[in-house]
Amino acid sequence: MPNTSTVHDLPPEEVARGLIEGRYLLIDVREPNETAAEAYPEGATMPLSCFDPSALPDPAGKTIVFACRSGKRSVAASLAAQAAGKPYNMHLMGGMIGWKAAGLPTKTGG
């Protein structure tokens, strides 16, 4: 059976707009030391090192968007969620690097 999982890239500006409008739930899959140093302004954290798709929060009608530092781990998280039967196929293109390059705000302290 072919792998039909796909991950859709969302540009930082679209993710930021979706967060403000309440359409997206951001799941940051970076490790605690990374999120403590610099984090997205809102969202939940679930480090990829202990990622469990069954423990993802209920998006309550929102679309889950995975995020990391550069976009590589967020793709892995999305594929893992899809492999577990979850319909979460969106990720933040470019991760934190892209987010900051777009001039979007961050916070410290995770």
N, C-alpha and C. Protein backbone atom coordinates (compact mmCIF):
# COMPACT_ATOMS: atom_id res chain seq x y z
N MET A 1 0.85 -1.18 0.00
CA MET A 1 0.00 0.00 0.00
C MET A 1 0.89 1.25 0.00
N PRO A 2 0.68 2.16 -0.92
CA PRO A 2 1.55 3.33 -0.99
C PRO A 2 1.29 4.29 0.17
N ASN A 3 2.35 5.02 0.52
CA ASN A 3 2.23 6.02 1.59
C ASN A 3 1.51 7.25 1.01
N THR A 4 0.33 7.53 1.51
CA THR A 4 -0.43 8.66 0.99
C THR A 4 -0.36 9.87 1.92
N SER A 5 0.49 9.80 2.94
CA SER A 5 0.63 10.92 3.86
C SER A 5 1.31 12.09 3.16
N THR A 6 0.78 13.26 3.36
CA THR A 6 1.39 14.47 2.84
C THR A 6 1.40 15.51 3.94
N VAL A 7 2.33 16.43 3.84
CA VAL A 7 2.42 17.52 4.80
C VAL A 7 2.38 18.82 4.01
N HIS A 8 1.47 19.69 4.38
CA HIS A 8 1.30 20.96 3.68
C HIS A 8 2.08 22.07 4.38
N ASP A 9 2.83 22.82 3.58
CA ASP A 9 3.59 23.96 4.08
C ASP A 9 2.68 25.17 4.23
N LEU A 10 2.71 25.79 5.40
CA LEU A 10 2.00 27.04 5.60
C LEU A 10 3.03 28.13 5.86
N PRO A 11 3.00 29.24 5.13
CA PRO A 11 3.96 30.31 5.37
C PRO A 11 3.72 30.96 6.73
N PRO A 12 4.78 31.51 7.34
CA PRO A 12 4.65 32.12 8.67
C PRO A 12 3.53 33.14 8.77
N GLU A 13 3.37 33.98 7.75
CA GLU A 13 2.33 35.02 7.81
C GLU A 13 0.94 34.40 7.91
N GLU A 14 0.72 33.30 7.19
CA GLU A 14 -0.58 32.62 7.23
C GLU A 14 -0.82 32.00 8.60
N VAL A 15 0.22 31.38 9.17
CA VAL A 15 0.07 30.78 10.50
C VAL A 15 -0.23 31.86 11.54
N ALA A 16 0.51 32.97 11.48
CA ALA A 16 0.28 34.07 12.43
C ALA A 16 -1.15 34.59 12.31
N ARG A 17 -1.62 34.76 11.09
CA ARG A 17 -2.99 35.25 10.87
C ARG A 17 -4.01 34.24 11.40
N GLY A 18 -3.76 32.95 11.14
CA GLY A 18 -4.68 31.90 11.61
C GLY A 18 -4.72 31.81 13.12
N LEU A 19 -3.58 32.05 13.79
CA LEU A 19 -3.56 32.05 15.25
C LEU A 19 -4.39 33.20 15.79
N ILE A 20 -4.20 34.38 15.22
CA ILE A 20 -4.95 35.56 15.66
C ILE A 20 -6.45 35.36 15.45
N GLU A 21 -6.80 34.77 14.31
CA GLU A 21 -8.21 34.56 13.97
C GLU A 21 -8.82 33.34 14.66
N GLY A 22 -7.99 32.57 15.39
CA GLY A 22 -8.50 31.41 16.10
C GLY A 22 -8.74 30.20 15.23
N ARG A 23 -8.11 30.14 14.05
CA ARG A 23 -8.29 29.00 13.15
C ARG A 23 -7.27 27.90 13.38
N TYR A 24 -6.12 28.24 13.96
CA TYR A 24 -5.03 27.28 14.13
C TYR A 24 -4.68 27.08 15.59
N LEU A 25 -4.21 25.86 15.89
CA LEU A 25 -3.61 25.53 17.17
C LEU A 25 -2.18 25.12 16.85
N LEU A 26 -1.21 25.90 17.32
CA LEU A 26 0.20 25.64 17.05
C LEU A 26 0.75 24.64 18.07
N ILE A 27 1.39 23.59 17.57
CA ILE A 27 2.06 22.60 18.42
C ILE A 27 3.55 22.69 18.12
N ASP A 28 4.32 23.19 19.08
CA ASP A 28 5.76 23.37 18.94
C ASP A 28 6.43 22.06 19.37
N VAL A 29 7.16 21.41 18.45
CA VAL A 29 7.77 20.12 18.76
C VAL A 29 9.26 20.22 19.08
N ARG A 30 9.73 21.45 19.34
CA ARG A 30 11.13 21.61 19.74
C ARG A 30 11.31 21.14 21.19
N GLU A 31 12.55 20.99 21.59
CA GLU A 31 12.86 20.50 22.93
C GLU A 31 12.74 21.63 23.97
N PRO A 32 12.56 21.28 25.27
CA PRO A 32 12.35 22.29 26.31
C PRO A 32 13.44 23.37 26.37
N ASN A 33 14.70 23.00 26.16
CA ASN A 33 15.76 24.02 26.19
C ASN A 33 15.59 25.03 25.07
N GLU A 34 15.04 24.61 23.94
CA GLU A 34 14.82 25.52 22.82
C GLU A 34 13.63 26.45 23.10
N THR A 35 12.54 25.89 23.61
CA THR A 35 11.36 26.71 23.86
C THR A 35 11.58 27.65 25.04
N ALA A 36 12.46 27.27 25.98
CA ALA A 36 12.77 28.15 27.11
C ALA A 36 13.53 29.39 26.62
N ALA A 37 14.38 29.20 25.61
CA ALA A 37 15.18 30.31 25.09
C ALA A 37 14.34 31.24 24.23
N GLU A 38 13.46 30.66 23.42
CA GLU A 38 12.63 31.46 22.52
C GLU A 38 11.45 30.63 22.07
N ALA A 39 10.26 31.20 22.18
CA ALA A 39 9.06 30.43 21.86
C ALA A 39 8.12 31.25 20.98
N TYR A 40 7.20 30.52 20.35
CA TYR A 40 6.12 31.18 19.61
C TYR A 40 5.22 31.87 20.62
N PRO A 41 4.56 32.97 20.23
CA PRO A 41 3.75 33.72 21.20
C PRO A 41 2.60 32.93 21.80
N GLU A 42 2.08 31.95 21.06
CA GLU A 42 1.03 31.11 21.63
C GLU A 42 1.11 29.72 21.02
N GLY A 43 0.53 28.78 21.73
CA GLY A 43 0.55 27.41 21.25
C GLY A 43 0.92 26.47 22.37
N ALA A 44 0.93 25.20 22.05
CA ALA A 44 1.27 24.16 23.00
C ALA A 44 2.62 23.57 22.61
N THR A 45 3.28 22.93 23.57
CA THR A 45 4.55 22.28 23.27
C THR A 45 4.42 20.77 23.48
N MET A 46 5.04 20.03 22.59
CA MET A 46 5.12 18.58 22.70
C MET A 46 6.41 18.17 22.00
N PRO A 47 7.51 18.08 22.77
CA PRO A 47 8.81 17.78 22.17
C PRO A 47 8.77 16.51 21.32
N LEU A 48 9.42 16.58 20.16
CA LEU A 48 9.44 15.43 19.26
C LEU A 48 10.09 14.22 19.93
N SER A 49 11.02 14.44 20.86
CA SER A 49 11.71 13.33 21.52
C SER A 49 10.76 12.44 22.32
N CYS A 50 9.62 13.00 22.71
CA CYS A 50 8.62 12.18 23.43
C CYS A 50 7.24 12.36 22.80
N PHE A 51 7.21 12.57 21.50
CA PHE A 51 5.97 12.85 20.78
C PHE A 51 5.03 11.65 20.80
N ASP A 52 3.80 11.90 21.20
CA ASP A 52 2.78 10.86 21.25
C ASP A 52 1.51 11.43 20.62
N PRO A 53 1.20 11.01 19.39
CA PRO A 53 0.01 11.57 18.72
C PRO A 53 -1.26 11.43 19.54
N SER A 54 -1.38 10.37 20.35
CA SER A 54 -2.60 10.18 21.13
C SER A 54 -2.71 11.21 22.26
N ALA A 55 -1.59 11.87 22.61
CA ALA A 55 -1.61 12.86 23.68
C ALA A 55 -1.79 14.30 23.16
N LEU A 56 -1.97 14.45 21.86
CA LEU A 56 -2.18 15.81 21.32
C LEU A 56 -3.45 16.41 21.91
N PRO A 57 -3.42 17.71 22.19
CA PRO A 57 -4.63 18.33 22.73
C PRO A 57 -5.76 18.35 21.71
N ASP A 58 -6.97 18.37 22.20
CA ASP A 58 -8.14 18.48 21.33
C ASP A 58 -8.09 19.86 20.68
N PRO A 59 -8.06 19.93 19.35
CA PRO A 59 -7.97 21.24 18.71
C PRO A 59 -9.26 22.06 18.79
N ALA A 60 -10.33 21.47 19.28
CA ALA A 60 -11.60 22.17 19.49
C ALA A 60 -12.02 22.98 18.26
N GLY A 61 -12.04 22.30 17.12
CA GLY A 61 -12.49 22.95 15.89
C GLY A 61 -11.41 23.70 15.13
N LYS A 62 -10.22 23.79 15.70
CA LYS A 62 -9.12 24.47 15.02
C LYS A 62 -8.30 23.45 14.22
N THR A 63 -7.46 23.94 13.35
CA THR A 63 -6.54 23.09 12.60
C THR A 63 -5.20 23.08 13.33
N ILE A 64 -4.68 21.88 13.62
CA ILE A 64 -3.37 21.78 14.25
C ILE A 64 -2.30 22.06 13.22
N VAL A 65 -1.34 22.90 13.62
CA VAL A 65 -0.18 23.22 12.79
C VAL A 65 1.06 22.92 13.64
N PHE A 66 1.93 22.05 13.13
CA PHE A 66 3.16 21.74 13.85
C PHE A 66 4.25 22.75 13.49
N ALA A 67 5.13 23.02 14.47
CA ALA A 67 6.22 23.97 14.26
C ALA A 67 7.47 23.49 14.99
N CYS A 68 8.64 23.89 14.48
CA CYS A 68 9.91 23.57 15.12
C CYS A 68 10.89 24.70 14.83
N ARG A 69 12.18 24.38 14.71
CA ARG A 69 13.17 25.43 14.45
C ARG A 69 13.27 25.75 12.96
N SER A 70 13.33 24.72 12.11
CA SER A 70 13.55 24.95 10.69
C SER A 70 12.49 24.35 9.77
N GLY A 71 11.65 23.49 10.32
CA GLY A 71 10.62 22.85 9.52
C GLY A 71 10.80 21.35 9.34
N LYS A 72 11.92 20.81 9.77
CA LYS A 72 12.18 19.38 9.58
C LYS A 72 11.44 18.52 10.61
N ARG A 73 11.55 18.87 11.89
CA ARG A 73 10.87 18.09 12.93
C ARG A 73 9.36 18.23 12.87
N SER A 74 8.88 19.39 12.42
CA SER A 74 7.43 19.56 12.32
C SER A 74 6.85 18.65 11.24
N VAL A 75 7.59 18.42 10.17
CA VAL A 75 7.14 17.47 9.15
C VAL A 75 7.11 16.07 9.75
N ALA A 76 8.15 15.70 10.51
CA ALA A 76 8.19 14.39 11.15
C ALA A 76 7.01 14.21 12.09
N ALA A 77 6.67 15.24 12.86
CA ALA A 77 5.54 15.16 13.78
C ALA A 77 4.23 14.98 13.03
N SER A 78 4.07 15.71 11.93
CA SER A 78 2.85 15.59 11.14
C SER A 78 2.72 14.18 10.56
N LEU A 79 3.81 13.66 10.04
CA LEU A 79 3.77 12.30 9.48
C LEU A 79 3.47 11.27 10.57
N ALA A 80 4.04 11.45 11.77
CA ALA A 80 3.78 10.54 12.88
C ALA A 80 2.30 10.60 13.29
N ALA A 81 1.75 11.80 13.33
CA ALA A 81 0.34 11.96 13.68
C ALA A 81 -0.55 11.28 12.64
N GLN A 82 -0.21 11.48 11.37
CA GLN A 82 -0.99 10.85 10.30
C GLN A 82 -0.88 9.33 10.36
N ALA A 83 0.31 8.82 10.67
CA ALA A 83 0.50 7.37 10.78
C ALA A 83 -0.36 6.80 11.91
N ALA A 84 -0.66 7.63 12.92
CA ALA A 84 -1.50 7.21 14.04
C ALA A 84 -2.98 7.46 13.76
N GLY A 85 -3.30 7.86 12.53
CA GLY A 85 -4.69 8.05 12.15
C GLY A 85 -5.25 9.43 12.39
N LYS A 86 -4.39 10.38 12.74
CA LYS A 86 -4.85 11.76 12.98
C LYS A 86 -4.79 12.53 11.66
N PRO A 87 -5.73 13.47 11.42
CA PRO A 87 -5.77 14.19 10.15
C PRO A 87 -4.91 15.46 10.14
N TYR A 88 -3.81 15.47 10.87
CA TYR A 88 -3.02 16.70 11.05
C TYR A 88 -1.88 16.74 10.03
N ASN A 89 -2.11 17.50 8.95
CA ASN A 89 -1.15 17.50 7.85
C ASN A 89 -0.61 18.89 7.52
N MET A 90 -0.58 19.79 8.52
CA MET A 90 -0.08 21.15 8.29
C MET A 90 1.15 21.41 9.16
N HIS A 91 2.11 22.15 8.58
CA HIS A 91 3.25 22.57 9.39
C HIS A 91 3.71 23.96 8.98
N LEU A 92 4.39 24.60 9.91
CA LEU A 92 4.92 25.95 9.70
C LEU A 92 6.18 25.85 8.85
N MET A 93 6.08 26.33 7.63
CA MET A 93 7.21 26.31 6.71
C MET A 93 8.34 27.20 7.24
N GLY A 94 9.54 26.62 7.37
CA GLY A 94 10.69 27.40 7.83
C GLY A 94 10.83 27.48 9.34
N GLY A 95 9.84 26.98 10.08
CA GLY A 95 9.91 26.96 11.54
C GLY A 95 10.20 28.32 12.16
N MET A 96 10.87 28.29 13.31
CA MET A 96 11.20 29.52 14.03
C MET A 96 12.09 30.43 13.19
N ILE A 97 12.96 29.84 12.39
CA ILE A 97 13.84 30.64 11.53
C ILE A 97 12.99 31.47 10.56
N GLY A 98 12.02 30.83 9.91
CA GLY A 98 11.14 31.52 8.98
C GLY A 98 10.24 32.53 9.69
N TRP A 99 9.76 32.14 10.88
CA TRP A 99 8.89 33.01 11.68
C TRP A 99 9.60 34.33 11.97
N LYS A 100 10.84 34.23 12.46
CA LYS A 100 11.60 35.44 12.80
C LYS A 100 11.99 36.23 11.54
N ALA A 101 12.30 35.52 10.46
CA ALA A 101 12.65 36.18 9.19
C ALA A 101 11.47 37.00 8.67
N ALA A 102 10.25 36.55 9.00
CA ALA A 102 9.04 37.27 8.58
C ALA A 102 8.74 38.45 9.52
N GLY A 103 9.57 38.62 10.56
CA GLY A 103 9.37 39.73 11.48
C GLY A 103 8.28 39.50 12.50
N LEU A 104 7.93 38.24 12.72
CA LEU A 104 6.84 37.92 13.66
C LEU A 104 7.38 37.83 15.09
N PRO A 105 6.54 38.10 16.08
CA PRO A 105 7.01 38.17 17.48
C PRO A 105 7.27 36.81 18.10
N THR A 106 8.20 36.79 19.05
CA THR A 106 8.48 35.61 19.85
C THR A 106 8.44 36.02 21.31
N LYS A 107 8.47 35.03 22.18
CA LYS A 107 8.52 35.30 23.61
C LYS A 107 9.63 34.46 24.22
N THR A 108 10.07 34.82 25.39
CA THR A 108 11.06 34.01 26.11
C THR A 108 10.34 33.29 27.25
N GLY A 109 10.95 32.20 27.69
CA GLY A 109 10.39 31.48 28.83
C GLY A 109 9.43 30.37 28.48
N GLY A 110 9.38 29.99 27.20
CA GLY A 110 8.59 28.81 26.80
C GLY A 110 7.13 28.96 26.89
